[in-house]
Amino acid sequence: MNAFRKNIPDKTFAKLNNNGDFTRLAVSPGIINKHYSPAQFQTIAKVVGETGAIKYSASYSIILSIPTVDVTDATKELQDAGLYVAKQGPSVAMKACDFCDGDKMEAAPITEQLYHSLEGITVPTRLRLNVNGCASACYIAVYDDIGLVYQKDSFDVYLGAVPMGPNAQAGTLFAKRVEVEHIEGFLKQIIELYKERARPNEPFYKFYRRTNSADYWEMLKNKTIITGV
């Protein structure tokens, strides 16, 4: 059976690094688009070559292991092919659903605005922001650090999911029906709280679950309800 013919990969990132210096790049067709073209796959195969490795990930992207000396040129070649190369390090990382393959694009403009405003902001440790374009939330936004579920000109905001481990669980509904025109400022305040009050290298879910009874969370929620900002 092909499905179980080879369970242990020869070229894991750890194995490659035993014999050289490699860097991982998370590559996708875009934040919303999930469809690769044949030419893009050809580019991926070319930049990885015989020395690197390609791995499917659960984060809507493909992980490429590339010799570190080639990363700059590889990144440019991937981007020239129309691929999105995610930023590395402790920063805000955007994810989104496929908006029903373009059939439900109502929330796409604000998703793009959030990307340009928030992607790459430095935080204590990587923070995943997941935008889902309708109430079905089939790309499980509630299982990321900050999950946004769009509902007619507004977002429900979920915080503090534990993404893995024996205590894994969805985030909790923090604010309901935050209007589109206010969601960017609202998220910036959440991110600022995390930057200012988290312990060094503290994941967002640990920070939120440690502090969710603090007055500043209630103040932020009430401010949104009362003033809309």
C-alpha atoms as a PDB file:
ATOM      1  CA  MET A   1       0.000   0.000   0.000  1.00  0.00           C
ATOM      2  CA  ASN A   2       1.470   3.354  -1.026  1.00  0.00           C
ATOM      3  CA  ALA A   3      -0.091   5.066   1.995  1.00  0.00           C
ATOM      4  CA  PHE A   4       2.184   3.130   4.354  1.00  0.00           C
ATOM      5  CA  ARG A   5       5.103   2.178   2.138  1.00  0.00           C
ATOM      6  CA  LYS A   6       7.545   4.583   3.802  1.00  0.00           C
ATOM      7  CA  ASN A   7       6.696   5.976   7.217  1.00  0.00           C
ATOM      8  CA  ILE A   8      10.080   7.367   8.270  1.00  0.00           C
ATOM      9  CA  PRO A   9      11.442  10.193   6.047  1.00  0.00           C
ATOM     10  CA  ASP A  10      15.127  10.242   5.162  1.00  0.00           C
ATOM     11  CA  LYS A  11      15.411  14.041   5.090  1.00  0.00           C
ATOM     12  CA  THR A  12      13.911  15.551   8.198  1.00  0.00           C
ATOM     13  CA  PHE A  13      15.068  19.033   9.147  1.00  0.00           C
ATOM     14  CA  ALA A  14      17.006  17.598  12.096  1.00  0.00           C
ATOM     15  CA  LYS A  15      18.748  14.995   9.931  1.00  0.00           C
ATOM     16  CA  LEU A  16      19.700  17.570   7.315  1.00  0.00           C
ATOM     17  CA  ASN A  17      21.198  19.831   9.978  1.00  0.00           C
ATOM     18  CA  ASN A  18      23.418  17.014  11.172  1.00  0.00           C
ATOM     19  CA  ASN A  19      25.334  17.394   7.911  1.00  0.00           C
ATOM     20  CA  GLY A  20      24.986  21.107   7.232  1.00  0.00           C
ATOM     21  CA  ASP A  21      23.275  24.379   8.006  1.00  0.00           C
ATOM     22  CA  PHE A  22      19.669  24.446   6.781  1.00  0.00           C
ATOM     23  CA  THR A  23      16.805  26.935   7.112  1.00  0.00           C
ATOM     24  CA  ARG A  24      13.091  26.238   6.920  1.00  0.00           C
ATOM     25  CA  LEU A  25      10.800  28.373   4.751  1.00  0.00           C
ATOM     26  CA  ALA A  26       7.005  28.199   4.999  1.00  0.00           C
ATOM     27  CA  VAL A  27       5.612  28.654   1.496  1.00  0.00           C
ATOM     28  CA  SER A  28       2.036  28.997   0.241  1.00  0.00           C
ATOM     29  CA  PRO A  29       0.162  30.509  -2.734  1.00  0.00           C
ATOM     30  CA  GLY A  30      -1.036  33.316  -0.439  1.00  0.00           C
ATOM     31  CA  ILE A  31      -2.987  34.075   2.716  1.00  0.00           C
ATOM     32  CA  ILE A  32      -6.361  33.208   1.118  1.00  0.00           C
ATOM     33  CA  ASN A  33      -5.476  31.349  -2.084  1.00  0.00           C
ATOM     34  CA  LYS A  34      -4.725  27.665  -1.450  1.00  0.00           C
ATOM     35  CA  HIS A  35      -4.167  26.582  -5.075  1.00  0.00           C
ATOM     36  CA  TYR A  36      -0.656  26.061  -6.428  1.00  0.00           C
ATOM     37  CA  SER A  37       0.120  26.202 -10.130  1.00  0.00           C
ATOM     38  CA  PRO A  38       2.289  23.544 -11.829  1.00  0.00           C
ATOM     39  CA  ALA A  39       4.903  26.237 -12.480  1.00  0.00           C
ATOM     40  CA  GLN A  40       5.037  27.080  -8.773  1.00  0.00           C
ATOM     41  CA  PHE A  41       5.624  23.435  -7.899  1.00  0.00           C
ATOM     42  CA  GLN A  42       8.410  23.377 -10.460  1.00  0.00           C
ATOM     43  CA  THR A  43       9.996  26.401  -8.791  1.00  0.00           C
ATOM     44  CA  ILE A  44       9.699  24.755  -5.374  1.00  0.00           C
ATOM     45  CA  ALA A  45      11.398  21.614  -6.689  1.00  0.00           C
ATOM     46  CA  LYS A  46      14.137  23.687  -8.301  1.00  0.00           C
ATOM     47  CA  VAL A  47      15.060  25.741  -5.219  1.00  0.00           C
ATOM     48  CA  VAL A  48      15.010  22.687  -2.940  1.00  0.00           C
ATOM     49  CA  GLY A  49      17.092  20.618  -5.354  1.00  0.00           C
ATOM     50  CA  GLU A  50      18.612  17.300  -4.390  1.00  0.00           C
ATOM     51  CA  THR A  51      20.026  18.504  -1.071  1.00  0.00           C
ATOM     52  CA  GLY A  52      16.922  19.913   0.639  1.00  0.00           C
ATOM     53  CA  ALA A  53      13.491  18.604   1.582  1.00  0.00           C
ATOM     54  CA  ILE A  54       9.802  19.393   1.126  1.00  0.00           C
ATOM     55  CA  LYS A  55       7.244  18.754   3.841  1.00  0.00           C
ATOM     56  CA  TYR A  56       3.497  19.255   4.005  1.00  0.00           C
ATOM     57  CA  SER A  57       2.436  21.106   7.156  1.00  0.00           C
ATOM     58  CA  ALA A  58      -0.816  21.534   9.048  1.00  0.00           C
ATOM     59  CA  SER A  59      -0.566  25.328   8.800  1.00  0.00           C
ATOM     60  CA  TYR A  60      -1.832  25.674   5.209  1.00  0.00           C
ATOM     61  CA  SER A  61       1.698  25.787   3.846  1.00  0.00           C
ATOM     62  CA  ILE A  62       4.562  23.669   2.581  1.00  0.00           C
ATOM     63  CA  ILE A  63       7.802  23.656   4.569  1.00  0.00           C
ATOM     64  CA  LEU A  64      11.016  23.772   2.554  1.00  0.00           C
ATOM     65  CA  SER A  65      14.364  22.869   4.082  1.00  0.00           C
ATOM     66  CA  ILE A  66      17.030  24.766   2.141  1.00  0.00           C
ATOM     67  CA  PRO A  67      20.769  25.275   2.732  1.00  0.00           C
ATOM     68  CA  THR A  68      21.049  28.515   4.667  1.00  0.00           C
ATOM     69  CA  VAL A  69      23.572  29.943   2.184  1.00  0.00           C
ATOM     70  CA  ASP A  70      20.901  29.712  -0.536  1.00  0.00           C
ATOM     71  CA  VAL A  71      17.985  31.208   1.405  1.00  0.00           C
ATOM     72  CA  THR A  72      18.163  34.761   0.023  1.00  0.00           C
ATOM     73  CA  ASP A  73      18.228  33.655  -3.610  1.00  0.00           C
ATOM     74  CA  ALA A  74      15.640  30.934  -2.986  1.00  0.00           C
ATOM     75  CA  THR A  75      13.253  33.368  -1.318  1.00  0.00           C
ATOM     76  CA  LYS A  76      13.456  35.773  -4.248  1.00  0.00           C
ATOM     77  CA  GLU A  77      12.880  32.991  -6.758  1.00  0.00           C
ATOM     78  CA  LEU A  78       9.852  31.710  -4.834  1.00  0.00           C
ATOM     79  CA  GLN A  79       8.377  35.191  -4.559  1.00  0.00           C
ATOM     80  CA  ASP A  80       8.991  35.846  -8.254  1.00  0.00           C
ATOM     81  CA  ALA A  81       6.891  32.736  -8.922  1.00  0.00           C
ATOM     82  CA  GLY A  82       4.003  34.343  -7.032  1.00  0.00           C
ATOM     83  CA  LEU A  83       4.463  32.374  -3.837  1.00  0.00           C
ATOM     84  CA  TYR A  84       4.118  33.796  -0.335  1.00  0.00           C
ATOM     85  CA  VAL A  85       7.072  33.108   1.958  1.00  0.00           C
ATOM     86  CA  ALA A  86       6.054  33.549   5.575  1.00  0.00           C
ATOM     87  CA  LYS A  87       8.184  35.707   7.830  1.00  0.00           C
ATOM     88  CA  GLN A  88      10.256  33.858  10.393  1.00  0.00           C
ATOM     89  CA  GLY A  89      10.830  34.445  14.092  1.00  0.00           C
ATOM     90  CA  PRO A  90       8.751  35.799  17.015  1.00  0.00           C
ATOM     91  CA  SER A  91       6.185  37.829  15.134  1.00  0.00           C
ATOM     92  CA  VAL A  92       2.496  37.981  14.267  1.00  0.00           C
ATOM     93  CA  ALA A  93       1.772  35.421  11.531  1.00  0.00           C
ATOM     94  CA  MET A  94      -1.433  35.616   9.492  1.00  0.00           C
ATOM     95  CA  LYS A  95      -3.531  32.657   8.379  1.00  0.00           C
ATOM     96  CA  ALA A  96      -6.945  32.584   6.709  1.00  0.00           C
ATOM     97  CA  CYS A  97      -9.479  30.234   5.210  1.00  0.00           C
ATOM     98  CA  ASP A  98      -9.971  29.931   1.445  1.00  0.00           C
ATOM     99  CA  PHE A  99     -13.188  32.010   1.535  1.00  0.00           C
ATOM    100  CA  CYS A 100     -14.998  29.114  -0.162  1.00  0.00           C
ATOM    101  CA  ASP A 101     -12.505  29.304  -3.034  1.00  0.00           C
ATOM    102  CA  GLY A 102     -13.529  32.878  -3.729  1.00  0.00           C
ATOM    103  CA  ASP A 103     -17.302  32.429  -3.492  1.00  0.00           C
ATOM    104  CA  LYS A 104     -17.554  34.306  -0.171  1.00  0.00           C
ATOM    105  CA  MET A 105     -15.119  37.212  -0.365  1.00  0.00           C
ATOM    106  CA  GLU A 106     -16.962  39.711   1.817  1.00  0.00           C
ATOM    107  CA  ALA A 107     -14.277  39.620   4.501  1.00  0.00           C
ATOM    108  CA  ALA A 108     -11.336  39.545   2.066  1.00  0.00           C
ATOM    109  CA  PRO A 109     -10.663  43.323   2.008  1.00  0.00           C
ATOM    110  CA  ILE A 110     -10.415  43.603   5.794  1.00  0.00           C
ATOM    111  CA  THR A 111      -8.278  40.440   5.893  1.00  0.00           C
ATOM    112  CA  GLU A 112      -5.823  42.077   3.496  1.00  0.00           C
ATOM    113  CA  GLN A 113      -5.883  45.261   5.577  1.00  0.00           C
ATOM    114  CA  LEU A 114      -5.101  43.271   8.730  1.00  0.00           C
ATOM    115  CA  TYR A 115      -2.255  41.527   6.953  1.00  0.00           C
ATOM    116  CA  HIS A 116      -0.585  44.790   5.943  1.00  0.00           C
ATOM    117  CA  SER A 117      -1.143  46.263   9.412  1.00  0.00           C
ATOM    118  CA  LEU A 118      -0.289  43.338  11.700  1.00  0.00           C
ATOM    119  CA  GLU A 119       1.832  40.725   9.908  1.00  0.00           C
ATOM    120  CA  GLY A 120       5.385  40.768  11.182  1.00  0.00           C
ATOM    121  CA  ILE A 121       4.839  42.791  14.386  1.00  0.00           C
ATOM    122  CA  THR A 122       7.449  41.595  16.880  1.00  0.00           C
ATOM    123  CA  VAL A 123       5.968  39.768  19.886  1.00  0.00           C
ATOM    124  CA  PRO A 124       7.430  37.638  22.730  1.00  0.00           C
ATOM    125  CA  THR A 125       6.932  34.446  20.708  1.00  0.00           C
ATOM    126  CA  ARG A 126       5.196  33.615  17.434  1.00  0.00           C
ATOM    127  CA  LEU A 127       1.523  34.589  17.493  1.00  0.00           C
ATOM    128  CA  ARG A 128      -0.866  33.036  14.948  1.00  0.00           C
ATOM    129  CA  LEU A 129      -3.835  35.104  13.843  1.00  0.00           C
ATOM    130  CA  ASN A 130      -6.411  33.083  11.882  1.00  0.00           C
ATOM    131  CA  VAL A 131      -9.247  34.757   9.936  1.00  0.00           C
ATOM    132  CA  ASN A 132     -12.240  32.686   8.828  1.00  0.00           C
ATOM    133  CA  GLY A 133     -14.648  34.304   6.392  1.00  0.00           C
ATOM    134  CA  CYS A 134     -17.967  32.921   7.620  1.00  0.00           C
ATOM    135  CA  ALA A 135     -19.612  31.368  10.659  1.00  0.00           C
ATOM    136  CA  SER A 136     -18.804  27.834   9.474  1.00  0.00           C
ATOM    137  CA  ALA A 137     -15.168  28.510  10.480  1.00  0.00           C
ATOM    138  CA  CYS A 138     -14.087  25.381   8.596  1.00  0.00           C
ATOM    139  CA  TYR A 139     -10.427  26.425   8.831  1.00  0.00           C
ATOM    140  CA  ILE A 140     -10.796  26.210  12.628  1.00  0.00           C
ATOM    141  CA  ALA A 141      -9.840  29.751  13.590  1.00  0.00           C
ATOM    142  CA  VAL A 142     -10.789  28.952  17.186  1.00  0.00           C
ATOM    143  CA  TYR A 143      -7.715  26.702  17.458  1.00  0.00           C
ATOM    144  CA  ASP A 144      -5.195  29.490  16.915  1.00  0.00           C
ATOM    145  CA  ASP A 145      -3.851  32.137  19.297  1.00  0.00           C
ATOM    146  CA  ILE A 146      -6.308  34.729  18.004  1.00  0.00           C
ATOM    147  CA  GLY A 147      -9.229  33.472  15.954  1.00  0.00           C
ATOM    148  CA  LEU A 148     -11.520  35.760  13.981  1.00  0.00           C
ATOM    149  CA  VAL A 149     -14.844  34.420  12.690  1.00  0.00           C
ATOM    150  CA  TYR A 150     -16.613  36.780  10.310  1.00  0.00           C
ATOM    151  CA  GLN A 151     -20.349  37.372  10.579  1.00  0.00           C
ATOM    152  CA  LYS A 152     -21.968  40.144   8.512  1.00  0.00           C
ATOM    153  CA  ASP A 153     -19.857  43.297   8.979  1.00  0.00           C
ATOM    154  CA  SER A 154     -18.314  42.063  12.236  1.00  0.00           C
ATOM    155  CA  PHE A 155     -16.037  39.477  13.824  1.00  0.00           C
ATOM    156  CA  ASP A 156     -16.320  37.181  16.803  1.00  0.00           C
ATOM    157  CA  VAL A 157     -12.902  37.116  18.484  1.00  0.00           C
ATOM    158  CA  TYR A 158     -11.562  33.972  20.184  1.00  0.00           C
ATOM    159  CA  LEU A 159      -8.443  33.982  22.361  1.00  0.00           C
ATOM    160  CA  GLY A 160      -6.143  31.540  24.078  1.00  0.00           C
ATOM    161  CA  ALA A 161      -6.443  28.227  22.227  1.00  0.00           C
ATOM    162  CA  VAL A 162      -4.049  25.503  23.362  1.00  0.00           C
ATOM    163  CA  PRO A 163      -3.055  24.124  19.961  1.00  0.00           C
ATOM    164  CA  MET A 164      -1.480  20.821  21.001  1.00  0.00           C
ATOM    165  CA  GLY A 165      -0.619  18.503  23.856  1.00  0.00           C
ATOM    166  CA  PRO A 166      -2.771  16.617  26.386  1.00  0.00           C
ATOM    167  CA  ASN A 167      -4.569  19.833  27.368  1.00  0.00           C
ATOM    168  CA  ALA A 168      -5.317  20.996  23.826  1.00  0.00           C
ATOM    169  CA  GLN A 169      -8.542  22.961  23.534  1.00  0.00           C
ATOM    170  CA  ALA A 170     -10.210  25.658  21.507  1.00  0.00           C
ATOM    171  CA  GLY A 171      -9.928  29.305  22.430  1.00  0.00           C
ATOM    172  CA  THR A 172     -12.703  31.044  24.309  1.00  0.00           C
ATOM    173  CA  LEU A 173     -15.032  33.670  22.870  1.00  0.00           C
ATOM    174  CA  PHE A 174     -13.591  36.950  24.086  1.00  0.00           C
ATOM    175  CA  ALA A 175     -15.636  39.512  22.158  1.00  0.00           C
ATOM    176  CA  LYS A 176     -18.678  39.117  19.971  1.00  0.00           C
ATOM    177  CA  ARG A 177     -19.600  41.177  16.923  1.00  0.00           C
ATOM    178  CA  VAL A 178     -16.627  43.533  16.804  1.00  0.00           C
ATOM    179  CA  GLU A 179     -17.412  45.710  13.804  1.00  0.00           C
ATOM    180  CA  VAL A 180     -15.141  45.533  10.764  1.00  0.00           C
ATOM    181  CA  GLU A 181     -14.133  49.195  11.054  1.00  0.00           C
ATOM    182  CA  HIS A 182     -12.926  48.628  14.614  1.00  0.00           C
ATOM    183  CA  ILE A 183     -11.295  45.196  14.405  1.00  0.00           C
ATOM    184  CA  GLU A 184      -7.812  46.429  13.465  1.00  0.00           C
ATOM    185  CA  GLY A 185      -7.555  48.764  16.452  1.00  0.00           C
ATOM    186  CA  PHE A 186      -9.033  46.093  18.718  1.00  0.00           C
ATOM    187  CA  LEU A 187      -6.434  43.529  17.660  1.00  0.00           C
ATOM    188  CA  LYS A 188      -3.605  46.023  18.029  1.00  0.00           C
ATOM    189  CA  GLN A 189      -4.626  46.560  21.646  1.00  0.00           C
ATOM    190  CA  ILE A 190      -4.611  42.804  22.286  1.00  0.00           C
ATOM    191  CA  ILE A 191      -1.182  42.467  20.700  1.00  0.00           C
ATOM    192  CA  GLU A 192       0.108  45.438  22.686  1.00  0.00           C
ATOM    193  CA  LEU A 193      -1.066  43.870  25.943  1.00  0.00           C
ATOM    194  CA  TYR A 194       0.802  40.715  25.009  1.00  0.00           C
ATOM    195  CA  LYS A 195       3.971  42.651  24.159  1.00  0.00           C
ATOM    196  CA  GLU A 196       3.891  44.709  27.332  1.00  0.00           C
ATOM    197  CA  ARG A 197       2.779  42.165  29.920  1.00  0.00           C
ATOM    198  CA  ALA A 198       3.932  38.718  28.777  1.00  0.00           C
ATOM    199  CA  ARG A 199       6.881  37.013  30.361  1.00  0.00           C
ATOM    200  CA  PRO A 200       9.963  36.401  28.193  1.00  0.00           C
ATOM    201  CA  ASN A 201       9.185  33.782  25.518  1.00  0.00           C
ATOM    202  CA  GLU A 202       5.723  33.185  26.978  1.00  0.00           C
ATOM    203  CA  PRO A 203       3.323  31.741  24.356  1.00  0.00           C
ATOM    204  CA  PHE A 204       0.170  33.733  23.850  1.00  0.00           C
ATOM    205  CA  TYR A 205      -2.144  31.032  25.236  1.00  0.00           C
ATOM    206  CA  LYS A 206      -0.137  30.817  28.466  1.00  0.00           C
ATOM    207  CA  PHE A 207      -0.127  34.584  28.771  1.00  0.00           C
ATOM    208  CA  TYR A 208      -3.880  34.850  28.198  1.00  0.00           C
ATOM    209  CA  ARG A 209      -4.811  32.010  30.521  1.00  0.00           C
ATOM    210  CA  ARG A 210      -2.540  33.428  33.220  1.00  0.00           C
ATOM    211  CA  THR A 211      -3.995  36.934  32.946  1.00  0.00           C
ATOM    212  CA  ASN A 212      -7.568  36.548  31.638  1.00  0.00           C
ATOM    213  CA  SER A 213      -9.073  37.699  34.929  1.00  0.00           C
ATOM    214  CA  ALA A 214      -7.017  40.922  34.926  1.00  0.00           C
ATOM    215  CA  ASP A 215      -8.919  44.191  34.821  1.00  0.00           C
ATOM    216  CA  TYR A 216      -7.327  45.320  31.564  1.00  0.00           C
ATOM    217  CA  TRP A 217      -9.028  42.512  29.620  1.00  0.00           C
ATOM    218  CA  GLU A 218     -12.440  43.479  30.951  1.00  0.00           C
ATOM    219  CA  MET A 219     -11.718  47.134  30.264  1.00  0.00           C
ATOM    220  CA  LEU A 220     -10.804  46.334  26.673  1.00  0.00           C
ATOM    221  CA  LYS A 221     -13.935  44.260  26.174  1.00  0.00           C
ATOM    222  CA  ASN A 222     -16.210  46.875  27.747  1.00  0.00           C
ATOM    223  CA  LYS A 223     -14.596  49.664  25.771  1.00  0.00           C
ATOM    224  CA  THR A 224     -15.411  47.801  22.579  1.00  0.00           C
ATOM    225  CA  ILE A 225     -19.007  47.161  23.602  1.00  0.00           C
ATOM    226  CA  ILE A 226     -19.662  50.729  24.732  1.00  0.00           C
ATOM    227  CA  THR A 227     -17.693  52.813  22.242  1.00  0.00           C
ATOM    228  CA  GLY A 228     -17.062  50.464  19.369  1.00  0.00           C
ATOM    229  CA  VAL A 229     -13.313  51.087  19.451  1.00  0.00           C
END
